[in-house]
Amino acid sequence: MSKPATKTKILDDGLRYKSKAGGSPFKEDKHFAQATMSCFLCGVHRPRALLTSRKFIGKVHLVCAPSCRQAKEADAAAQAPDIPTVPT
């Protein structure tokens, strides 16, 4: 005797559900180097290849390489559409 399967049902207030949807918002990679981790400083998830290790308070943590600000600017530049400039 098994329980009947319940579908995920989020109420109007958005805080309660009957069953939680399975899975993770992060895709699962077979290769460890392609996995994502969060930066210790800014908290943004990036592939491990874009992170570097730095020592903070006696422990080694992964942070954005070369810095969080430069990584954020590079992401913004990659997301921005190429708009040609028109000479006036």
Protein backbone atom coordinates (compact mmCIF):
# COMPACT_ATOMS: atom_id res chain seq x y z
CA MET A 1 0.00 0.00 0.00
CA SER A 2 1.62 3.17 -1.15
CA LYS A 3 0.48 6.72 -0.76
CA PRO A 4 -1.05 8.44 -3.78
CA ALA A 5 1.38 10.77 -5.54
CA THR A 6 0.74 14.42 -4.76
CA LYS A 7 1.48 17.11 -7.29
CA THR A 8 3.33 20.25 -6.31
CA LYS A 9 0.78 22.87 -5.37
CA ILE A 10 1.94 26.34 -4.35
CA LEU A 11 -0.77 28.34 -2.64
CA ASP A 12 -1.64 31.94 -3.45
CA ASP A 13 0.65 33.29 -0.74
CA GLY A 14 3.51 31.30 -2.30
CA LEU A 15 4.78 29.98 1.01
CA ARG A 16 3.22 26.52 1.32
CA TYR A 17 3.27 23.47 -0.88
CA LYS A 18 2.07 19.87 -0.67
CA SER A 19 5.19 18.35 -2.16
CA LYS A 20 8.42 19.92 -3.22
CA ALA A 21 9.56 19.65 -6.82
CA GLY A 22 12.59 17.41 -7.12
CA GLY A 23 15.90 18.34 -8.62
CA SER A 24 18.31 21.20 -8.37
CA PRO A 25 18.42 24.56 -10.15
CA PHE A 26 22.06 23.78 -10.98
CA LYS A 27 22.73 21.30 -13.73
CA GLU A 28 24.70 18.23 -12.76
CA ASP A 29 28.02 17.86 -14.55
CA LYS A 30 30.05 14.70 -14.78
CA HIS A 31 33.31 16.62 -14.72
CA PHE A 32 34.34 18.20 -11.42
CA ALA A 33 35.99 21.18 -13.14
CA GLN A 34 32.73 22.13 -14.87
CA ALA A 35 30.71 22.16 -11.64
CA THR A 36 29.57 25.49 -10.25
CA MET A 37 30.43 26.89 -6.86
CA SER A 38 29.64 30.17 -5.20
CA CYS A 39 32.19 32.90 -4.66
CA PHE A 40 33.02 33.35 -0.98
CA LEU A 41 32.92 37.16 -1.31
CA CYS A 42 29.97 37.96 -3.60
CA GLY A 43 28.03 34.67 -3.50
CA VAL A 44 27.54 34.41 -7.28
CA HIS A 45 27.63 30.88 -8.71
CA ARG A 46 30.29 30.46 -11.37
CA PRO A 47 32.05 27.49 -12.98
CA ARG A 48 35.07 26.39 -10.96
CA ALA A 49 37.31 27.34 -13.88
CA LEU A 50 36.37 31.01 -13.31
CA LEU A 51 37.21 30.90 -9.60
CA THR A 52 40.55 31.11 -7.85
CA SER A 53 41.55 30.23 -4.30
CA ARG A 54 42.47 32.85 -1.71
CA LYS A 55 43.26 32.49 1.95
CA PHE A 56 40.84 34.20 4.37
CA ILE A 57 41.06 33.89 8.14
CA GLY A 58 43.34 30.87 7.97
CA LYS A 59 41.23 28.92 5.43
CA VAL A 60 41.35 28.69 1.66
CA HIS A 61 38.14 29.83 -0.09
CA LEU A 62 37.16 30.12 -3.75
CA VAL A 63 36.58 33.66 -5.06
CA CYS A 64 35.97 35.22 -8.48
CA ALA A 65 39.08 35.61 -10.62
CA PRO A 66 40.62 38.19 -10.99
CA SER A 67 38.06 40.06 -8.84
CA CYS A 68 34.29 40.08 -8.24
CA ARG A 69 33.88 43.51 -9.87
CA GLN A 70 35.79 42.53 -13.02
CA ALA A 71 33.87 39.25 -13.27
CA LYS A 72 30.56 41.12 -12.92
CA GLU A 73 31.60 43.62 -15.63
CA ALA A 74 32.62 40.76 -17.94
CA ASP A 75 29.24 39.07 -17.39
CA ALA A 76 27.43 42.35 -18.12
CA ALA A 77 29.46 42.88 -21.30
CA ALA A 78 28.67 39.33 -22.45
CA GLN A 79 24.94 39.84 -21.77
CA ALA A 80 24.69 43.26 -23.44
CA PRO A 81 23.59 43.22 -27.09
CA ASP A 82 26.01 44.58 -29.66
CA ILE A 83 24.60 47.96 -30.63
CA PRO A 84 26.49 49.65 -33.44
CA THR A 85 27.35 53.26 -32.84
CA VAL A 86 26.06 55.75 -35.39
CA PRO A 87 28.30 58.77 -36.05
CA THR A 88 26.51 62.08 -35.69
